[in-house]
């Protein structure tokens, strides 16, 4: 499950902004349940049933759907042993269905938003940025062959051999330039053959695939310091026209790369009463590429520790994850407590360590929390 379903509301930020580029200071921050309370224009396509995926076409944009995202996270280490986490997410949002009249180079029905973050673990610092641009006059866009998605100076694209993903983003005091290799893991279709249902409501679903372990090399920049790094990245791709059901408040999303070669993705949907929604789902990818579906009755998630933001929101940043069918009893803990993405839509997203029955690294996303939720430390 990815947070970009809420991006229909990001149009608000564009209306508040008089120009393309960084987020305007006047932008209102929204909770996930506020952002996702409405329904998209019925003229957008809906994810109703499994479909055939075709590549490289499906790496590109699907403008017939309301929202779409290209999402990268990774855990990296420098030549001197310093650890970092990173996130680069590029979102496409449809203003309305169909093609805009081509009477101006600026007219478009598509806008893009990006989030960039670098976590410096040794310094316990989390740096982040947000950008917007319309998909016009070359400011932002996506194509499939050769694959490229870009938002100003931020981009993800294949190299000349079409075997490596080149990732680049520079913004103020942070930047990255990375090369992601395909590795030996297969592309994973999430949900039911790529159809990820979020509730029983027809069309409240997305098309969703992942590349769970991409060997990564390159450079990170923080201020005037540059670090040569290597590690592993995770790519999620999802497109949809759905929103949260009225009883859903948010989710807890885990993307874990275990040292034994297995990868685990699980999103726990929460209802507004604090319970676990029956459409929570996940996948476990074996070292040899075999894939197992994870259902909510197979995964037990228990919050262990919380971090409180300055306005009172409390996020569970340490968890126990138990998957008895696969002999997993994991402790998942944030490497930095404050990895809050406090932008147009607020959520917590950050690098984590994995210990317990198995060790590893990963990323955790927490959305839909606010100060009214009653949470108790264990």
Protein backbone atom coordinates (compact mmCIF):
# COMPACT_ATOMS: atom_id res chain seq x y z
CA UNK A 1 0.00 0.00 0.00
CA UNK A 2 1.43 3.34 -0.90
CA UNK A 3 0.64 6.75 0.38
CA UNK A 4 0.05 8.39 -2.99
CA UNK A 5 -3.65 7.57 -3.11
CA UNK A 6 -4.03 10.71 -1.02
CA UNK A 7 -2.43 12.85 -3.68
CA UNK A 8 -5.71 13.95 -5.16
CA UNK A 9 -5.60 16.65 -2.50
CA UNK A 10 -2.20 17.88 -3.57
CA UNK A 11 -3.97 19.97 -6.15
CA UNK A 12 -4.63 22.30 -3.24
CA UNK A 13 -0.91 22.94 -2.96
CA UNK A 14 -0.67 23.74 -6.65
CA UNK A 15 -3.52 26.23 -6.41
CA UNK A 16 -1.79 27.89 -3.48
CA UNK A 17 1.48 28.11 -5.41
CA UNK A 18 2.03 30.80 -8.02
CA UNK A 19 4.96 29.00 -9.60
CA UNK A 20 6.52 25.58 -10.12
CA UNK A 21 9.26 24.37 -7.80
CA UNK A 22 9.48 24.08 -4.03
CA UNK A 23 6.40 23.77 -1.84
CA UNK A 24 4.90 27.19 -1.03
CA UNK A 25 5.10 28.18 2.61
CA UNK A 26 1.33 28.67 2.76
CA UNK A 27 0.54 25.05 1.91
CA UNK A 28 -1.76 23.40 4.44
CA UNK A 29 -0.66 20.11 5.98
CA UNK A 30 -3.33 17.41 5.92
CA UNK A 31 -3.82 14.13 7.74
CA UNK A 32 -4.29 11.08 5.57
CA UNK A 33 -7.97 10.57 6.48
CA UNK A 34 -8.66 14.23 5.60
CA UNK A 35 -6.76 13.96 2.33
CA UNK A 36 -8.42 10.77 1.20
CA UNK A 37 -11.99 11.45 2.23
CA UNK A 38 -13.26 12.29 -1.25
CA UNK A 39 -13.72 10.31 -4.44
CA UNK A 40 -11.98 11.00 -7.77
CA UNK A 41 -13.78 12.06 -10.94
CA UNK A 42 -15.75 9.04 -12.20
CA UNK A 43 -14.20 9.57 -15.63
CA UNK A 44 -10.92 8.08 -14.41
CA UNK A 45 -10.29 4.38 -14.92
CA UNK A 46 -10.61 2.09 -11.91
CA UNK A 47 -8.61 -0.99 -10.95
CA UNK A 48 -11.37 -3.60 -11.05
CA UNK A 49 -9.71 -6.89 -11.92
CA UNK A 50 -6.28 -8.40 -12.57
CA UNK A 51 -4.67 -7.37 -15.85
CA UNK A 52 -1.70 -8.40 -17.95
CA UNK A 53 1.41 -6.31 -17.32
CA UNK A 54 3.55 -5.26 -20.28
CA UNK A 55 7.07 -3.91 -20.00
CA UNK A 56 8.58 -1.47 -20.61
CA UNK A 57 5.17 0.17 -21.19
CA UNK A 58 3.99 -0.26 -17.59
CA UNK A 59 7.11 1.40 -16.22
CA UNK A 60 5.74 4.62 -17.74
CA UNK A 61 2.69 6.72 -16.89
CA UNK A 62 -0.98 5.64 -16.87
CA UNK A 63 -2.81 8.98 -17.20
CA UNK A 64 -6.21 7.27 -17.47
CA UNK A 65 -5.88 6.70 -13.69
CA UNK A 66 -6.06 9.52 -11.15
CA UNK A 67 -2.81 8.92 -9.23
CA UNK A 68 0.46 7.14 -9.79
CA UNK A 69 3.86 6.91 -8.16
CA UNK A 70 7.42 5.74 -8.63
CA UNK A 71 8.82 5.08 -5.18
CA UNK A 72 12.39 4.28 -4.16
CA UNK A 73 13.88 3.66 -0.72
CA UNK A 74 17.21 2.22 0.30
CA UNK A 75 19.76 1.57 3.01
CA UNK A 76 23.30 2.54 2.04
CA UNK A 77 26.76 2.53 3.64
CA UNK A 78 29.77 4.71 2.87
CA UNK A 79 33.36 3.63 2.29
CA UNK A 80 34.09 4.51 5.92
CA UNK A 81 31.14 2.55 7.30
CA UNK A 82 28.71 5.45 7.78
CA UNK A 83 25.06 4.43 7.30
CA UNK A 84 22.37 6.31 5.41
CA UNK A 85 18.78 5.84 4.34
CA UNK A 86 17.17 7.53 1.35
CA UNK A 87 13.75 8.04 -0.20
CA UNK A 88 12.88 9.45 -3.62
CA UNK A 89 9.22 9.39 -4.64
CA UNK A 90 7.77 10.92 -7.79
CA UNK A 91 3.99 11.22 -7.97
CA UNK A 92 1.68 11.95 -10.89
CA UNK A 93 -1.78 13.39 -10.20
CA UNK A 94 -4.56 13.79 -12.76
CA UNK A 95 -6.55 17.02 -12.41
CA UNK A 96 -9.35 15.62 -14.56
CA UNK A 97 -9.78 12.78 -17.06
CA UNK A 98 -8.83 13.07 -20.70
CA UNK A 99 -6.37 15.17 -22.68
CA UNK A 100 -6.09 18.90 -22.18
CA UNK A 101 -6.65 21.17 -25.17
CA UNK A 102 -3.30 21.87 -26.78
CA UNK A 103 -3.80 25.62 -27.23
CA UNK A 104 -0.95 26.42 -24.85
CA UNK A 105 2.35 24.76 -23.95
CA UNK A 106 1.39 25.26 -20.30
CA UNK A 107 -2.04 23.62 -20.45
CA UNK A 108 -2.14 20.14 -18.90
CA UNK A 109 -4.34 17.87 -16.82
CA UNK A 110 -1.31 16.29 -15.13
CA UNK A 111 0.81 17.55 -12.25
CA UNK A 112 3.79 15.98 -10.50
CA UNK A 113 5.00 16.07 -6.92
CA UNK A 114 8.22 14.69 -5.46
CA UNK A 115 9.58 13.83 -2.03
CA UNK A 116 13.31 13.49 -1.38
CA UNK A 117 14.83 12.45 1.95
CA UNK A 118 18.23 11.40 3.27
CA UNK A 119 18.72 10.00 6.79
CA UNK A 120 22.24 10.42 8.22
CA UNK A 121 22.24 7.70 10.87
CA UNK A 122 25.48 8.64 12.66
CA UNK A 123 24.41 12.27 12.98
CA UNK A 124 20.79 11.32 13.80
CA UNK A 125 19.58 13.83 11.20
CA UNK A 126 16.80 13.50 8.65
CA UNK A 127 16.87 15.89 5.67
CA UNK A 128 13.98 16.22 3.25
CA UNK A 129 12.46 18.30 0.47
CA UNK A 130 9.30 18.54 -1.65
CA UNK A 131 8.79 19.77 -5.23
CA UNK A 132 5.84 20.41 -7.56
CA UNK A 133 5.56 21.01 -11.30
CA UNK A 134 2.96 20.73 -14.01
CA UNK A 135 3.54 18.15 -16.75
CA UNK A 136 3.98 20.84 -19.39
CA UNK A 137 6.79 22.65 -21.20
CA UNK A 138 9.17 19.83 -20.23
CA UNK A 139 8.99 20.59 -16.50
CA UNK A 140 7.84 17.10 -15.50
CA UNK A 141 6.62 13.92 -17.13
CA UNK A 142 7.15 10.23 -17.78
CA UNK A 143 7.77 7.95 -20.73
CA UNK A 144 8.19 4.21 -21.01
CA UNK A 145 10.69 3.43 -23.79
CA UNK A 146 13.32 4.36 -22.86
CA UNK A 147 11.95 4.67 -19.35
CA UNK A 148 12.20 8.04 -17.66
CA UNK A 149 10.20 9.95 -15.06
CA UNK A 150 11.35 13.43 -14.11
CA UNK A 151 10.38 16.44 -12.03
CA UNK A 152 12.74 19.30 -12.76
CA UNK A 153 16.23 18.14 -11.67
CA UNK A 154 14.85 14.98 -10.03
CA UNK A 155 14.72 11.91 -12.25
CA UNK A 156 14.65 8.12 -12.49
CA UNK A 157 15.61 6.64 -15.86
CA UNK A 158 17.24 3.67 -17.54
CA UNK A 159 20.76 3.96 -18.87
CA UNK A 160 21.78 3.41 -22.49
CA UNK A 161 21.85 -0.36 -22.01
CA UNK A 162 18.40 -0.24 -20.36
CA UNK A 163 19.67 -2.51 -17.60
CA UNK A 164 20.50 0.02 -14.88
CA UNK A 165 18.28 2.62 -13.23
CA UNK A 166 19.97 5.99 -12.84
CA UNK A 167 18.52 8.06 -9.99
CA UNK A 168 19.35 11.72 -9.52
CA UNK A 169 18.00 14.49 -7.32
CA UNK A 170 19.49 17.72 -6.01
CA UNK A 171 17.71 20.18 -3.73
CA UNK A 172 19.29 22.82 -1.52
CA UNK A 173 21.52 21.05 1.04
CA UNK A 174 20.95 17.45 -0.08
CA UNK A 175 21.34 15.39 -3.22
CA UNK A 176 21.95 11.94 -4.61
CA UNK A 177 23.24 10.28 -7.75
CA UNK A 178 22.74 6.51 -7.71
CA UNK A 179 22.89 3.54 -10.08
CA UNK A 180 20.54 0.64 -9.34
CA UNK A 181 21.32 -2.77 -10.82
CA UNK A 182 18.56 -5.33 -11.54
CA UNK A 183 19.93 -7.94 -9.15
CA UNK A 184 18.62 -11.51 -9.20
CA UNK A 185 15.13 -11.05 -7.73
CA UNK A 186 12.08 -11.19 -10.03
CA UNK A 187 9.55 -8.42 -10.43
CA UNK A 188 6.82 -9.08 -7.84
CA UNK A 189 3.14 -8.51 -8.64
CA UNK A 190 1.49 -7.47 -5.39
CA UNK A 191 -2.01 -8.53 -4.35
CA UNK A 192 -3.86 -10.78 -6.80
CA UNK A 193 -1.62 -10.91 -9.91
CA UNK A 194 -0.89 -7.21 -9.50
CA UNK A 195 -4.36 -6.08 -8.36
CA UNK A 196 -4.04 -4.77 -4.80
CA UNK A 197 -7.50 -4.48 -3.28
CA UNK A 198 -7.85 -2.03 -0.38
CA UNK A 199 -11.46 -2.88 0.54
CA UNK A 200 -14.51 -4.77 -0.65
CA UNK A 201 -15.72 -1.72 -2.61
CA UNK A 202 -15.32 -2.45 -6.35
CA UNK A 203 -12.52 -0.35 -7.81
CA UNK A 204 -11.06 0.56 -4.43
CA UNK A 205 -7.79 -1.01 -5.52
CA UNK A 206 -4.56 -0.32 -7.36
CA UNK A 207 -2.21 -1.98 -9.79
CA UNK A 208 0.98 -2.58 -7.85
CA UNK A 209 4.34 -4.20 -8.51
CA UNK A 210 7.71 -4.15 -6.76
CA UNK A 211 11.40 -4.77 -7.31
CA UNK A 212 12.45 -5.68 -3.80
CA UNK A 213 16.26 -5.81 -3.89
CA UNK A 214 18.26 -3.64 -6.30
CA UNK A 215 22.03 -3.49 -5.68
CA UNK A 216 22.92 0.20 -5.49
CA UNK A 217 26.06 2.32 -5.82
CA UNK A 218 26.63 6.03 -6.12
CA UNK A 219 26.96 9.24 -4.19
CA UNK A 220 25.02 11.13 -1.54
CA UNK A 221 25.48 14.80 -0.72
CA UNK A 222 24.69 16.53 2.57
CA UNK A 223 25.73 20.17 2.55
CA UNK A 224 29.26 20.34 1.14
CA UNK A 225 30.08 16.73 2.10
CA UNK A 226 29.87 13.92 -0.43
CA UNK A 227 29.77 10.21 0.38
CA UNK A 228 30.48 7.27 -1.93
CA UNK A 229 27.92 4.64 -0.95
CA UNK A 230 26.60 1.19 -1.76
CA UNK A 231 23.74 -0.98 -0.53
CA UNK A 232 20.29 -2.07 -1.67
CA UNK A 233 17.20 -0.23 -2.87
CA UNK A 234 13.51 -1.12 -3.13
CA UNK A 235 11.24 0.10 -5.97
CA UNK A 236 7.44 0.24 -5.69
CA UNK A 237 5.17 1.14 -8.62
CA UNK A 238 1.47 1.73 -8.17
CA UNK A 239 -1.40 3.46 -9.97
CA UNK A 240 -5.00 3.87 -8.92
CA UNK A 241 -8.13 6.02 -8.85
CA UNK A 242 -9.36 4.88 -5.45
CA UNK A 243 -9.42 6.34 -1.96
CA UNK A 244 -9.63 5.04 1.56
CA UNK A 245 -12.97 3.62 2.62
CA UNK A 246 -14.84 5.78 5.10
CA UNK A 247 -13.87 3.50 7.98
CA UNK A 248 -10.14 3.43 7.14
CA UNK A 249 -7.71 5.83 8.82
CA UNK A 250 -4.27 4.93 7.50
CA UNK A 251 -1.67 2.20 7.30
CA UNK A 252 1.64 0.82 8.53
CA UNK A 253 3.84 -0.33 5.62
CA UNK A 254 6.94 -2.49 6.03
CA UNK A 255 9.56 -3.17 3.33
CA UNK A 256 12.27 -5.37 4.84
CA UNK A 257 15.39 -6.88 3.26
CA UNK A 258 16.64 -9.70 5.48
CA UNK A 259 20.28 -10.74 5.60
CA UNK A 260 19.33 -14.32 4.67
CA UNK A 261 18.21 -13.04 1.25
CA UNK A 262 14.47 -12.92 1.87
CA UNK A 263 12.38 -9.75 1.41
CA UNK A 264 9.14 -8.96 3.24
CA UNK A 265 6.48 -6.41 2.30
CA UNK A 266 3.37 -6.02 4.43
CA UNK A 267 0.89 -3.16 4.74
CA UNK A 268 -1.42 -3.11 7.72
CA UNK A 269 -4.54 -1.05 7.02
CA UNK A 270 -6.11 0.43 10.14
CA UNK A 271 -9.73 1.39 10.69
CA UNK A 272 -10.74 4.50 12.60
CA UNK A 273 -11.38 2.44 15.73
CA UNK A 274 -7.74 1.33 15.73
CA UNK A 275 -8.36 -2.21 14.52
CA UNK A 276 -6.67 -4.05 11.66
CA UNK A 277 -8.58 -4.04 8.38
CA UNK A 278 -9.22 -7.38 6.70
CA UNK A 279 -7.70 -6.19 3.40
CA UNK A 280 -4.19 -5.83 4.86
CA UNK A 281 -1.81 -7.79 2.63
CA UNK A 282 1.82 -8.57 1.89
CA UNK A 283 4.36 -10.77 0.12
CA UNK A 284 7.42 -12.69 1.23
CA UNK A 285 10.04 -13.17 -1.49
CA UNK A 286 12.46 -16.04 -1.00
CA UNK A 287 16.16 -15.73 -1.84
CA UNK A 288 15.54 -17.82 -4.97
CA UNK A 289 12.63 -15.59 -6.06
CA UNK A 290 9.69 -17.74 -4.95
CA UNK A 291 6.84 -15.54 -3.69
CA UNK A 292 4.37 -16.21 -0.85
CA UNK A 293 1.25 -14.15 -0.12
CA UNK A 294 0.87 -12.88 3.45
CA UNK A 295 -2.67 -12.49 4.83
CA UNK A 296 -3.60 -10.55 7.99
CA UNK A 297 -4.19 -13.75 9.97
CA UNK A 298 -0.60 -14.81 9.21
CA UNK A 299 1.11 -11.61 10.42
CA UNK A 300 1.03 -10.25 13.98
CA UNK A 301 2.26 -6.67 14.40
CA UNK A 302 2.75 -5.25 17.89
CA UNK A 303 3.91 -1.65 18.52
CA UNK A 304 6.82 -1.49 20.98
CA UNK A 305 7.82 2.18 21.13
CA UNK A 306 6.43 5.54 19.99
CA UNK A 307 7.90 8.86 18.95
CA UNK A 308 5.89 12.04 19.49
CA UNK A 309 5.98 14.92 17.01
CA UNK A 310 5.94 18.50 18.27
CA UNK A 311 2.20 18.86 17.64
CA UNK A 312 1.32 15.73 19.58
CA UNK A 313 1.09 13.08 16.86
CA UNK A 314 2.52 9.79 18.10
CA UNK A 315 4.05 7.30 15.68
CA UNK A 316 4.91 3.67 16.51
CA UNK A 317 8.55 3.48 15.39
CA UNK A 318 9.45 0.12 16.91
CA UNK A 319 7.45 -3.04 16.15
CA UNK A 320 7.46 -6.75 16.73
CA UNK A 321 6.53 -8.62 13.53
CA UNK A 322 5.66 -12.31 13.81
CA UNK A 323 5.08 -14.51 10.77
CA UNK A 324 4.87 -18.01 12.25
CA UNK A 325 4.36 -19.78 8.91
CA UNK A 326 7.80 -18.54 7.82
CA UNK A 327 9.57 -18.77 11.21
CA UNK A 328 9.96 -15.02 11.53
CA UNK A 329 9.93 -13.18 14.87
CA UNK A 330 11.38 -9.76 14.09
CA UNK A 331 12.07 -6.52 15.92
CA UNK A 332 11.77 -3.58 13.51
CA UNK A 333 13.09 -0.29 14.89
CA UNK A 334 13.70 3.16 13.43
CA UNK A 335 17.33 4.15 13.06
CA UNK A 336 16.34 7.78 13.78
CA UNK A 337 13.20 8.61 15.74
CA UNK A 338 12.30 11.76 13.79
CA UNK A 339 11.96 10.83 10.12
CA UNK A 340 8.72 12.76 9.68
CA UNK A 341 7.77 13.96 6.19
CA UNK A 342 5.97 17.13 7.25
CA UNK A 343 4.73 18.45 3.92
CA UNK A 344 1.48 18.80 2.02
CA UNK A 345 0.42 15.47 3.44
CA UNK A 346 2.07 14.40 6.67
CA UNK A 347 3.43 10.90 7.23
CA UNK A 348 6.41 9.23 8.91
CA UNK A 349 8.81 7.39 6.59
CA UNK A 350 12.25 6.17 7.50
CA UNK A 351 15.08 3.67 7.63
CA UNK A 352 14.82 0.79 10.10
CA UNK A 353 16.97 -2.01 11.46
CA UNK A 354 15.71 -5.57 11.78
CA UNK A 355 16.77 -7.92 14.59
CA UNK A 356 15.33 -10.90 16.44
CA UNK A 357 15.08 -14.28 14.74
CA UNK A 358 16.63 -12.71 11.62
CA UNK A 359 18.63 -9.55 10.97
CA UNK A 360 18.25 -7.06 8.16
CA UNK A 361 17.39 -3.53 7.09
CA UNK A 362 14.39 -1.83 5.59
CA UNK A 363 11.95 1.05 5.43
CA UNK A 364 8.79 1.78 7.41
CA UNK A 365 5.92 4.11 6.50
CA UNK A 366 3.29 5.25 9.01
CA UNK A 367 0.26 7.27 7.94
CA UNK A 368 -3.05 8.38 9.39
CA UNK A 369 -1.84 9.10 12.92
CA UNK A 370 -2.86 12.22 14.79
CA UNK A 371 -2.90 13.47 18.37
CA UNK A 372 -6.48 12.25 18.89
CA UNK A 373 -5.48 8.60 18.57
CA UNK A 374 -5.07 6.92 21.95
CA UNK A 375 -1.85 4.90 21.87
CA UNK A 376 -0.16 3.28 24.84
CA UNK A 377 3.48 2.22 25.07
CA UNK A 378 4.08 -1.39 25.93
